[in-house]
């Protein structure tokens, strides 16, 4: 008699918490992550939460993007509907186990840091305004990746360069990202170590100290 998991072509052993723990341990050992993440396993799933540097959203965004590539995921923003909260998330797999990589995004508000006021949200037309309660349909929260709505846009001067566009989460195509396995991670780690040792890139021989032909 076969189980639904076997009928679907999956290994039931891989859905256990013990297997997920081993996959997570292999990830920590092989990915080169040395801190700033919290890894938990529950229900046969791996949750990877990027927590540091807490005050540097761009750095945490870069970490999520890198880890998303390792697990074969696509980075997207997730906005809560009932309260002002947003995440960057990417779903993929760690050693055949479903995995999620995420980090929190601070929602911008109209008050000073010591007295935060109402949260800002962006309407479908692109206008940012404060929202007193639940996020309306079609709206999204204004996060730390967006410009501060309280700062008026500077007037464009003749010949001046255009203002930079609002920051957004990089998108990684899952088909271009290898699944996270022990072998894949070790290969990536060796490649990074080789690039650091030879910054000139592969195939380039070091130049002699004195020019000329021998």
Protein backbone atom coordinates (compact mmCIF):
# COMPACT_ATOMS: atom_id res chain seq x y z
CA UNK A 1 0.00 0.00 0.00
CA UNK A 2 1.37 3.38 -0.97
CA UNK A 3 0.91 6.67 0.80
CA UNK A 4 -0.26 9.90 -0.95
CA UNK A 5 3.32 11.16 -0.76
CA UNK A 6 4.62 8.07 -2.54
CA UNK A 7 1.92 8.34 -5.18
CA UNK A 8 3.02 11.93 -5.81
CA UNK A 9 6.60 10.77 -6.30
CA UNK A 10 7.97 12.27 -3.09
CA UNK A 11 9.97 10.61 -0.33
CA UNK A 12 7.89 10.57 2.89
CA UNK A 13 11.09 10.52 4.95
CA UNK A 14 11.92 13.98 3.64
CA UNK A 15 8.80 15.45 5.23
CA UNK A 16 9.95 14.64 8.76
CA UNK A 17 11.31 17.26 11.12
CA UNK A 18 14.48 15.19 11.66
CA UNK A 19 15.29 15.23 7.96
CA UNK A 20 14.55 18.96 7.82
CA UNK A 21 16.93 19.53 10.74
CA UNK A 22 19.71 17.65 8.95
CA UNK A 23 19.07 19.63 5.76
CA UNK A 24 19.13 22.89 7.71
CA UNK A 25 22.39 21.89 9.43
CA UNK A 26 23.93 21.10 6.04
CA UNK A 27 22.76 24.50 4.80
CA UNK A 28 24.36 26.36 7.71
CA UNK A 29 27.63 24.46 7.30
CA UNK A 30 27.90 24.81 3.54
CA UNK A 31 26.33 28.19 2.71
CA UNK A 32 28.98 30.31 4.38
CA UNK A 33 26.42 32.02 6.64
CA UNK A 34 28.17 33.02 9.83
CA UNK A 35 25.45 34.94 11.65
CA UNK A 36 22.48 37.22 11.32
CA UNK A 37 20.00 34.45 10.48
CA UNK A 38 17.58 32.33 12.50
CA UNK A 39 16.88 28.85 11.11
CA UNK A 40 13.92 26.86 12.39
CA UNK A 41 12.33 23.58 11.32
CA UNK A 42 8.67 22.70 11.79
CA UNK A 43 6.33 20.34 10.03
CA UNK A 44 9.04 19.17 7.65
CA UNK A 45 9.77 22.74 6.50
CA UNK A 46 12.81 25.00 6.92
CA UNK A 47 12.33 28.67 7.84
CA UNK A 48 15.34 30.98 7.35
CA UNK A 49 14.87 34.44 8.83
CA UNK A 50 17.49 37.13 8.08
CA UNK A 51 17.63 39.28 11.21
CA UNK A 52 20.86 41.31 10.93
CA UNK A 53 22.07 43.90 10.36
CA UNK A 54 18.74 45.04 11.82
CA UNK A 55 19.06 48.70 10.87
CA UNK A 56 20.42 48.10 7.36
CA UNK A 57 17.52 47.10 5.12
CA UNK A 58 19.66 47.05 1.96
CA UNK A 59 22.14 44.61 3.52
CA UNK A 60 19.37 42.27 4.65
CA UNK A 61 17.78 42.54 1.21
CA UNK A 62 21.10 41.47 -0.34
CA UNK A 63 21.30 38.48 2.03
CA UNK A 64 17.76 37.38 1.17
CA UNK A 65 18.53 37.71 -2.54
CA UNK A 66 21.69 35.59 -2.21
CA UNK A 67 19.96 32.89 -0.14
CA UNK A 68 16.99 32.90 -2.52
CA UNK A 69 19.37 32.04 -5.33
CA UNK A 70 20.74 29.11 -3.32
CA UNK A 71 17.31 27.63 -2.59
CA UNK A 72 15.96 28.31 -6.09
CA UNK A 73 13.45 31.00 -5.11
CA UNK A 74 12.16 34.35 -6.33
CA UNK A 75 12.25 37.37 -4.00
CA UNK A 76 8.90 39.09 -3.54
CA UNK A 77 7.36 41.59 -1.14
CA UNK A 78 4.58 40.33 1.12
CA UNK A 79 2.25 42.90 2.73
CA UNK A 80 -0.02 42.13 5.69
CA UNK A 81 -3.59 43.32 5.26
CA UNK A 82 -4.71 43.75 8.87
CA UNK A 83 -1.75 45.72 10.27
CA UNK A 84 1.28 47.66 8.93
CA UNK A 85 3.87 44.96 8.34
CA UNK A 86 5.78 43.74 5.29
CA UNK A 87 8.40 41.13 4.44
CA UNK A 88 10.74 40.12 1.67
CA UNK A 89 10.21 36.42 1.03
CA UNK A 90 11.44 33.68 -1.27
CA UNK A 91 10.23 30.08 -1.33
CA UNK A 92 12.40 27.19 -2.49
CA UNK A 93 13.96 23.99 -1.22
CA UNK A 94 16.85 22.96 1.03
CA UNK A 95 18.05 19.44 0.26
CA UNK A 96 14.61 18.54 -1.11
CA UNK A 97 12.80 20.06 1.89
CA UNK A 98 10.46 23.06 1.34
CA UNK A 99 12.14 26.23 2.60
CA UNK A 100 11.32 29.89 3.06
CA UNK A 101 13.82 32.77 3.30
CA UNK A 102 12.53 36.08 4.65
CA UNK A 103 13.35 39.36 6.36
CA UNK A 104 11.18 42.12 7.79
CA UNK A 105 10.67 45.53 6.17
CA UNK A 106 9.94 48.57 8.34
CA UNK A 107 6.81 50.45 7.28
CA UNK A 108 7.28 54.24 7.03
CA UNK A 109 5.10 56.45 9.24
CA UNK A 110 4.25 60.14 9.38
CA UNK A 111 5.66 60.82 12.84
CA UNK A 112 9.18 61.12 14.29
CA UNK A 113 11.04 57.89 15.24
CA UNK A 114 10.37 58.43 18.95
CA UNK A 115 6.64 58.99 18.30
CA UNK A 116 5.64 57.01 15.21
CA UNK A 117 2.35 58.09 13.73
CA UNK A 118 0.07 56.56 11.14
CA UNK A 119 1.61 54.27 8.48
CA UNK A 120 1.95 55.29 4.86
CA UNK A 121 0.52 53.19 2.05
CA UNK A 122 0.61 53.48 -1.73
CA UNK A 123 -2.62 53.63 -3.71
CA UNK A 124 -2.97 51.81 -7.04
CA UNK A 125 -2.23 55.08 -8.86
CA UNK A 126 1.08 55.52 -7.03
CA UNK A 127 0.00 58.19 -4.51
CA UNK A 128 1.29 57.71 -0.95
CA UNK A 129 -0.88 58.68 2.01
CA UNK A 130 -1.48 57.61 5.59
CA UNK A 131 -3.85 54.74 6.34
CA UNK A 132 -5.55 54.64 9.76
CA UNK A 133 -6.45 50.96 9.77
CA UNK A 134 -6.65 47.97 7.46
CA UNK A 135 -4.76 48.12 4.16
CA UNK A 136 -7.29 48.78 1.36
CA UNK A 137 -7.54 46.37 -1.54
CA UNK A 138 -4.94 47.04 -4.22
CA UNK A 139 -2.76 49.11 -1.88
CA UNK A 140 0.65 48.28 -0.42
CA UNK A 141 2.59 49.61 2.55
CA UNK A 142 5.39 52.12 2.03
CA UNK A 143 8.49 50.33 3.34
CA UNK A 144 12.08 51.27 4.06
CA UNK A 145 12.86 50.32 0.45
CA UNK A 146 10.71 53.23 -0.75
CA UNK A 147 11.55 56.96 -0.60
CA UNK A 148 10.21 58.79 2.46
CA UNK A 149 6.86 60.38 1.43
CA UNK A 150 7.44 63.21 3.94
CA UNK A 151 10.39 64.48 1.93
CA UNK A 152 9.19 66.65 -0.95
CA UNK A 153 10.76 65.81 -4.27
CA UNK A 154 13.38 68.43 -5.23
CA UNK A 155 12.54 70.63 -8.19
CA UNK A 156 14.22 69.47 -11.33
CA UNK A 157 16.68 71.94 -12.73
CA UNK A 158 17.48 72.31 -16.39
CA UNK A 159 20.07 69.76 -17.32
CA UNK A 160 19.88 68.00 -13.95
CA UNK A 161 20.00 64.22 -13.81
CA UNK A 162 16.62 62.53 -13.16
CA UNK A 163 15.83 61.50 -9.59
CA UNK A 164 16.66 57.85 -8.79
CA UNK A 165 13.78 55.42 -8.96
CA UNK A 166 12.33 53.91 -5.80
CA UNK A 167 14.18 50.88 -4.52
CA UNK A 168 12.52 47.54 -5.10
CA UNK A 169 13.28 43.93 -4.36
CA UNK A 170 15.47 42.25 -6.97
CA UNK A 171 13.68 39.40 -8.70
CA UNK A 172 15.49 36.13 -9.25
CA UNK A 173 14.08 33.65 -11.75
CA UNK A 174 13.75 30.26 -10.08
CA UNK A 175 14.83 28.48 -13.25
CA UNK A 176 18.19 30.28 -13.07
CA UNK A 177 18.86 29.36 -9.42
CA UNK A 178 20.28 25.96 -8.39
CA UNK A 179 18.54 24.04 -5.63
CA UNK A 180 20.33 24.18 -2.31
CA UNK A 181 22.20 20.92 -1.79
CA UNK A 182 25.41 20.08 -0.02
CA UNK A 183 27.27 19.63 -3.31
CA UNK A 184 25.87 22.84 -4.81
CA UNK A 185 26.78 24.88 -1.78
CA UNK A 186 30.31 23.51 -1.56
CA UNK A 187 30.80 24.22 -5.26
CA UNK A 188 29.57 27.79 -4.77
CA UNK A 189 31.78 28.24 -1.72
CA UNK A 190 34.85 26.99 -3.59
CA UNK A 191 34.04 29.28 -6.50
CA UNK A 192 33.81 32.30 -4.19
CA UNK A 193 37.07 31.37 -2.48
CA UNK A 194 38.78 31.03 -5.85
CA UNK A 195 37.48 34.41 -6.99
CA UNK A 196 38.78 36.02 -3.82
CA UNK A 197 42.20 34.42 -4.21
CA UNK A 198 42.43 35.35 -7.93
CA UNK A 199 40.57 38.64 -8.42
CA UNK A 200 41.73 38.85 -12.02
CA UNK A 201 39.40 35.99 -12.91
CA UNK A 202 40.04 32.54 -14.36
CA UNK A 203 42.34 32.15 -17.28
CA UNK A 204 44.45 35.23 -16.48
CA UNK A 205 48.08 34.72 -15.68
CA UNK A 206 49.85 37.14 -13.34
CA UNK A 207 52.04 39.63 -15.12
CA UNK A 208 55.79 39.56 -14.47
CA UNK A 209 57.22 42.24 -12.22
CA UNK A 210 59.23 43.74 -15.11
CA UNK A 211 57.83 44.07 -18.61
CA UNK A 212 59.54 42.62 -21.63
CA UNK A 213 59.84 39.37 -23.50
CA UNK A 214 61.84 36.41 -22.43
